[in-house]
Amino acid sequence: MLQSMDALAARCSTMSEDEFCRRYGPFLLVVDGPEDDSTERRYETETAMPVLDISAGSLSQVTVCVVERADDEPARDTTVYTVGRTLNNDIVLDHVSVSKRHAYIEEDAGAGRFWLVDAHSANGTVVDNRDPLAPEQPRLVQPGTTITFGASVKAVFHTPSSMYAYLVAH
């Protein structure tokens, strides 16, 4: 599910940190659009997303990808969350340089860690502007990790706790 940052901030103001973490777990991706604005994009949100640096601009111009849980939804059996261009992914990034099933994020719930894995994508996945990930080779991600999916879709990884702390502070 995609939400504008200002909508998420409004919800945060009415919830405790525990409620926020239960609702918006296990992770959130703050997403910036592709650098090439000539490419048509389709997002299920009311705002565009031209700003990645969430400290620099209006919160309404940033989009957050959320694996949102309903209040009565039971815990997921799986700890693997897919990222890709098509609607059958947990996180949908509708851009031509993102593969149908581009990558996945594995949660190690017992250790509280997350691993990003490229799923043999055509245009690669880059973490913290380093070399592209080798397919099927997990890389640890933590709050603040920058991820580039495909040629130009950039995101910042957050846990619900780190996002809540940011929203409360701003």
C-alpha atoms as a PDB file:
ATOM      1  CA  MET A   1       0.000   0.000   0.000  1.00  0.00           C
ATOM      2  CA  LEU A   2       1.249   3.488  -0.821  1.00  0.00           C
ATOM      3  CA  GLN A   3       0.605   6.432   1.459  1.00  0.00           C
ATOM      4  CA  SER A   4       1.746  10.018   1.435  1.00  0.00           C
ATOM      5  CA  MET A   5       4.099  10.908   4.234  1.00  0.00           C
ATOM      6  CA  ASP A   6       1.735  13.597   5.537  1.00  0.00           C
ATOM      7  CA  ALA A   7      -1.115  11.063   5.778  1.00  0.00           C
ATOM      8  CA  LEU A   8       1.189   8.714   7.686  1.00  0.00           C
ATOM      9  CA  ALA A   9       2.245  11.576   9.971  1.00  0.00           C
ATOM     10  CA  ALA A  10      -1.403  12.385  10.689  1.00  0.00           C
ATOM     11  CA  ARG A  11      -2.066   8.771  11.642  1.00  0.00           C
ATOM     12  CA  CYS A  12       1.074   8.682  13.771  1.00  0.00           C
ATOM     13  CA  SER A  13      -0.190  11.619  15.826  1.00  0.00           C
ATOM     14  CA  THR A  14      -3.204   9.559  16.928  1.00  0.00           C
ATOM     15  CA  MET A  15      -1.343   6.352  17.821  1.00  0.00           C
ATOM     16  CA  SER A  16       1.100   5.157  20.428  1.00  0.00           C
ATOM     17  CA  GLU A  17       4.410   3.779  19.178  1.00  0.00           C
ATOM     18  CA  ASP A  18       3.203   0.217  19.908  1.00  0.00           C
ATOM     19  CA  GLU A  19       0.011   0.762  17.888  1.00  0.00           C
ATOM     20  CA  PHE A  20       1.995   2.292  15.024  1.00  0.00           C
ATOM     21  CA  CYS A  21       4.471  -0.603  14.991  1.00  0.00           C
ATOM     22  CA  ARG A  22       1.712  -3.213  15.007  1.00  0.00           C
ATOM     23  CA  ARG A  23      -0.127  -1.456  12.181  1.00  0.00           C
ATOM     24  CA  TYR A  24       2.817  -0.556   9.960  1.00  0.00           C
ATOM     25  CA  GLY A  25       5.111  -3.501  10.469  1.00  0.00           C
ATOM     26  CA  PRO A  26       7.409  -5.060   9.671  1.00  0.00           C
ATOM     27  CA  PHE A  27       9.069  -2.303   7.575  1.00  0.00           C
ATOM     28  CA  LEU A  28       8.412   0.793   5.478  1.00  0.00           C
ATOM     29  CA  LEU A  29      10.137   2.112   2.354  1.00  0.00           C
ATOM     30  CA  VAL A  30      10.271   5.876   1.802  1.00  0.00           C
ATOM     31  CA  VAL A  31      10.275   6.051  -1.992  1.00  0.00           C
ATOM     32  CA  ASP A  32      11.560   8.618  -4.440  1.00  0.00           C
ATOM     33  CA  GLY A  33      10.421   8.519  -8.038  1.00  0.00           C
ATOM     34  CA  PRO A  34      12.718   7.757 -10.954  1.00  0.00           C
ATOM     35  CA  GLU A  35      15.220  10.416 -11.950  1.00  0.00           C
ATOM     36  CA  ASP A  36      13.825  10.448 -15.484  1.00  0.00           C
ATOM     37  CA  ASP A  37      10.491  12.288 -15.156  1.00  0.00           C
ATOM     38  CA  SER A  38       9.678  11.687 -18.837  1.00  0.00           C
ATOM     39  CA  THR A  39       8.660   8.122 -17.980  1.00  0.00           C
ATOM     40  CA  GLU A  40       4.987   7.791 -17.145  1.00  0.00           C
ATOM     41  CA  ARG A  41       4.359   6.389 -13.671  1.00  0.00           C
ATOM     42  CA  ARG A  42       1.222   5.095 -12.015  1.00  0.00           C
ATOM     43  CA  TYR A  43       0.920   5.149  -8.219  1.00  0.00           C
ATOM     44  CA  GLU A  44      -2.068   4.436  -5.998  1.00  0.00           C
ATOM     45  CA  THR A  45      -1.730   7.628  -3.984  1.00  0.00           C
ATOM     46  CA  GLU A  46      -2.957  11.187  -4.140  1.00  0.00           C
ATOM     47  CA  THR A  47       0.496  12.773  -4.243  1.00  0.00           C
ATOM     48  CA  ALA A  48       3.581  12.571  -6.382  1.00  0.00           C
ATOM     49  CA  MET A  49       6.877  11.581  -4.829  1.00  0.00           C
ATOM     50  CA  PRO A  50       9.703  13.776  -6.059  1.00  0.00           C
ATOM     51  CA  VAL A  51      11.562  14.131  -2.740  1.00  0.00           C
ATOM     52  CA  LEU A  52      13.678  11.428  -1.104  1.00  0.00           C
ATOM     53  CA  ASP A  53      15.310  13.628   1.524  1.00  0.00           C
ATOM     54  CA  ILE A  54      12.401  13.728   3.944  1.00  0.00           C
ATOM     55  CA  SER A  55      14.094  16.404   6.028  1.00  0.00           C
ATOM     56  CA  ALA A  56      14.226  18.864   3.131  1.00  0.00           C
ATOM     57  CA  GLY A  57      10.727  19.192   1.722  1.00  0.00           C
ATOM     58  CA  SER A  58       7.043  19.000   2.302  1.00  0.00           C
ATOM     59  CA  LEU A  59       5.889  15.715   3.781  1.00  0.00           C
ATOM     60  CA  SER A  60       3.019  15.681   1.287  1.00  0.00           C
ATOM     61  CA  GLN A  61       5.507  15.161  -1.557  1.00  0.00           C
ATOM     62  CA  VAL A  62       6.953  11.911  -0.216  1.00  0.00           C
ATOM     63  CA  THR A  63       5.372   8.490  -0.561  1.00  0.00           C
ATOM     64  CA  VAL A  64       5.776   5.594   1.811  1.00  0.00           C
ATOM     65  CA  CYS A  65       5.329   1.954   0.758  1.00  0.00           C
ATOM     66  CA  VAL A  66       3.812   0.039   3.629  1.00  0.00           C
ATOM     67  CA  VAL A  67       3.002  -3.595   4.288  1.00  0.00           C
ATOM     68  CA  GLU A  68       0.016  -2.512   6.347  1.00  0.00           C
ATOM     69  CA  ARG A  69      -1.777  -4.838   8.725  1.00  0.00           C
ATOM     70  CA  ALA A  70      -5.441  -4.542   9.616  1.00  0.00           C
ATOM     71  CA  ASP A  71      -6.174  -4.435  13.340  1.00  0.00           C
ATOM     72  CA  ASP A  72      -7.715  -7.897  13.290  1.00  0.00           C
ATOM     73  CA  GLU A  73      -5.287  -9.437  10.784  1.00  0.00           C
ATOM     74  CA  PRO A  74      -3.345 -12.413  12.132  1.00  0.00           C
ATOM     75  CA  ALA A  75       0.436 -12.460  11.930  1.00  0.00           C
ATOM     76  CA  ARG A  76       1.834 -13.549   8.582  1.00  0.00           C
ATOM     77  CA  ASP A  77       3.202 -17.044   8.257  1.00  0.00           C
ATOM     78  CA  THR A  78       5.844 -15.937   5.812  1.00  0.00           C
ATOM     79  CA  THR A  79       8.706 -13.624   6.541  1.00  0.00           C
ATOM     80  CA  VAL A  80       9.483 -12.896   2.883  1.00  0.00           C
ATOM     81  CA  TYR A  81       8.081  -9.751   1.266  1.00  0.00           C
ATOM     82  CA  THR A  82       8.353  -9.307  -2.495  1.00  0.00           C
ATOM     83  CA  VAL A  83       9.147  -6.052  -4.319  1.00  0.00           C
ATOM     84  CA  GLY A  84       8.352  -5.617  -7.995  1.00  0.00           C
ATOM     85  CA  ARG A  85       6.404  -3.935 -10.757  1.00  0.00           C
ATOM     86  CA  THR A  86       3.294  -6.134 -10.761  1.00  0.00           C
ATOM     87  CA  LEU A  87       0.342  -6.094  -8.382  1.00  0.00           C
ATOM     88  CA  ASN A  88       1.055  -9.563  -6.956  1.00  0.00           C
ATOM     89  CA  ASN A  89       4.017  -8.156  -4.968  1.00  0.00           C
ATOM     90  CA  ASP A  90       3.848  -6.963  -1.372  1.00  0.00           C
ATOM     91  CA  ILE A  91       5.520  -3.682  -2.422  1.00  0.00           C
ATOM     92  CA  VAL A  92       4.612  -2.472  -5.930  1.00  0.00           C
ATOM     93  CA  LEU A  93       6.988  -0.059  -7.693  1.00  0.00           C
ATOM     94  CA  ASP A  94       5.441   0.605 -11.079  1.00  0.00           C
ATOM     95  CA  HIS A  95       8.388   1.706 -13.184  1.00  0.00           C
ATOM     96  CA  VAL A  96       9.752   0.208 -16.411  1.00  0.00           C
ATOM     97  CA  SER A  97      13.227  -0.397 -14.913  1.00  0.00           C
ATOM     98  CA  VAL A  98      11.785  -2.443 -12.032  1.00  0.00           C
ATOM     99  CA  SER A  99      11.306  -6.133 -12.839  1.00  0.00           C
ATOM    100  CA  LYS A 100       7.987  -7.912 -12.348  1.00  0.00           C
ATOM    101  CA  ARG A 101       9.517  -9.665  -9.333  1.00  0.00           C
ATOM    102  CA  HIS A 102      12.569  -7.551  -8.685  1.00  0.00           C
ATOM    103  CA  ALA A 103      13.721  -8.338  -5.153  1.00  0.00           C
ATOM    104  CA  TYR A 104      12.535  -9.556  -1.798  1.00  0.00           C
ATOM    105  CA  ILE A 105      13.058  -8.583   1.804  1.00  0.00           C
ATOM    106  CA  GLU A 106      13.465 -11.399   4.300  1.00  0.00           C
ATOM    107  CA  GLU A 107      12.673 -10.783   7.935  1.00  0.00           C
ATOM    108  CA  ASP A 108      14.638 -12.582  10.618  1.00  0.00           C
ATOM    109  CA  ALA A 109      12.042 -11.870  13.301  1.00  0.00           C
ATOM    110  CA  GLY A 110      13.950 -13.604  16.060  1.00  0.00           C
ATOM    111  CA  ALA A 111      16.983 -11.390  15.544  1.00  0.00           C
ATOM    112  CA  GLY A 112      15.104  -8.279  14.440  1.00  0.00           C
ATOM    113  CA  ARG A 113      17.066  -8.087  11.182  1.00  0.00           C
ATOM    114  CA  PHE A 114      16.092  -7.689   7.542  1.00  0.00           C
ATOM    115  CA  TRP A 115      17.893  -8.965   4.468  1.00  0.00           C
ATOM    116  CA  LEU A 116      17.445  -7.602   0.943  1.00  0.00           C
ATOM    117  CA  VAL A 117      17.859 -10.083  -1.910  1.00  0.00           C
ATOM    118  CA  ASP A 118      17.868  -9.332  -5.646  1.00  0.00           C
ATOM    119  CA  ALA A 119      15.626 -11.842  -7.426  1.00  0.00           C
ATOM    120  CA  HIS A 120      17.609 -11.960 -10.705  1.00  0.00           C
ATOM    121  CA  SER A 121      16.213  -8.576 -11.744  1.00  0.00           C
ATOM    122  CA  ALA A 122      17.031  -7.250 -15.196  1.00  0.00           C
ATOM    123  CA  ASN A 123      18.309  -3.852 -14.004  1.00  0.00           C
ATOM    124  CA  GLY A 124      19.753  -4.707 -10.613  1.00  0.00           C
ATOM    125  CA  THR A 125      19.420  -3.606  -7.008  1.00  0.00           C
ATOM    126  CA  VAL A 126      21.951  -1.338  -5.316  1.00  0.00           C
ATOM    127  CA  VAL A 127      22.353  -0.782  -1.560  1.00  0.00           C
ATOM    128  CA  ASP A 128      23.874   2.461  -0.229  1.00  0.00           C
ATOM    129  CA  ASN A 129      25.183   3.409  -3.693  1.00  0.00           C
ATOM    130  CA  ARG A 130      27.650   0.513  -3.717  1.00  0.00           C
ATOM    131  CA  ASP A 131      28.049  -2.241  -6.284  1.00  0.00           C
ATOM    132  CA  PRO A 132      24.841  -3.980  -7.411  1.00  0.00           C
ATOM    133  CA  LEU A 133      23.733  -6.957  -5.359  1.00  0.00           C
ATOM    134  CA  ALA A 134      24.534 -10.339  -6.823  1.00  0.00           C
ATOM    135  CA  PRO A 135      21.311 -12.292  -7.430  1.00  0.00           C
ATOM    136  CA  GLU A 136      20.171 -14.369  -4.451  1.00  0.00           C
ATOM    137  CA  GLN A 137      22.948 -12.973  -2.211  1.00  0.00           C
ATOM    138  CA  PRO A 138      21.352 -11.376   0.887  1.00  0.00           C
ATOM    139  CA  ARG A 139      22.515  -7.985   2.140  1.00  0.00           C
ATOM    140  CA  LEU A 140      21.628  -6.718   5.617  1.00  0.00           C
ATOM    141  CA  VAL A 141      19.452  -3.581   5.598  1.00  0.00           C
ATOM    142  CA  GLN A 142      18.674  -1.394   8.581  1.00  0.00           C
ATOM    143  CA  PRO A 143      16.966   1.945   9.214  1.00  0.00           C
ATOM    144  CA  GLY A 144      18.429   4.550   6.881  1.00  0.00           C
ATOM    145  CA  THR A 145      19.715   2.095   4.263  1.00  0.00           C
ATOM    146  CA  THR A 146      19.270   3.527   0.757  1.00  0.00           C
ATOM    147  CA  ILE A 147      18.103   1.064  -1.903  1.00  0.00           C
ATOM    148  CA  THR A 148      17.930   1.655  -5.662  1.00  0.00           C
ATOM    149  CA  PHE A 149      15.599  -0.687  -7.537  1.00  0.00           C
ATOM    150  CA  GLY A 150      16.284  -0.833 -11.272  1.00  0.00           C
ATOM    151  CA  ALA A 151      17.760   2.188 -12.973  1.00  0.00           C
ATOM    152  CA  SER A 152      16.385   4.952 -10.766  1.00  0.00           C
ATOM    153  CA  VAL A 153      13.709   4.094  -8.195  1.00  0.00           C
ATOM    154  CA  LYS A 154      15.282   5.044  -4.869  1.00  0.00           C
ATOM    155  CA  ALA A 155      13.990   4.128  -1.427  1.00  0.00           C
ATOM    156  CA  VAL A 156      15.074   4.405   2.179  1.00  0.00           C
ATOM    157  CA  PHE A 157      14.412   1.424   4.450  1.00  0.00           C
ATOM    158  CA  HIS A 158      12.820   2.033   7.869  1.00  0.00           C
ATOM    159  CA  THR A 159      11.462  -0.063  10.679  1.00  0.00           C
ATOM    160  CA  PRO A 160       8.164   1.119  12.170  1.00  0.00           C
ATOM    161  CA  SER A 161      10.071   2.318  15.271  1.00  0.00           C
ATOM    162  CA  SER A 162      12.533   4.424  13.265  1.00  0.00           C
ATOM    163  CA  MET A 163       9.710   5.913  11.160  1.00  0.00           C
ATOM    164  CA  TYR A 164       7.621   6.664  14.252  1.00  0.00           C
ATOM    165  CA  ALA A 165      10.591   8.414  15.899  1.00  0.00           C
ATOM    166  CA  TYR A 166      11.139  10.523  12.758  1.00  0.00           C
ATOM    167  CA  LEU A 167       7.461  11.491  12.486  1.00  0.00           C
ATOM    168  CA  VAL A 168       7.190  12.413  16.179  1.00  0.00           C
ATOM    169  CA  ALA A 169      10.331  14.555  15.930  1.00  0.00           C
ATOM    170  CA  HIS A 170       9.041  16.452  12.884  1.00  0.00           C
END
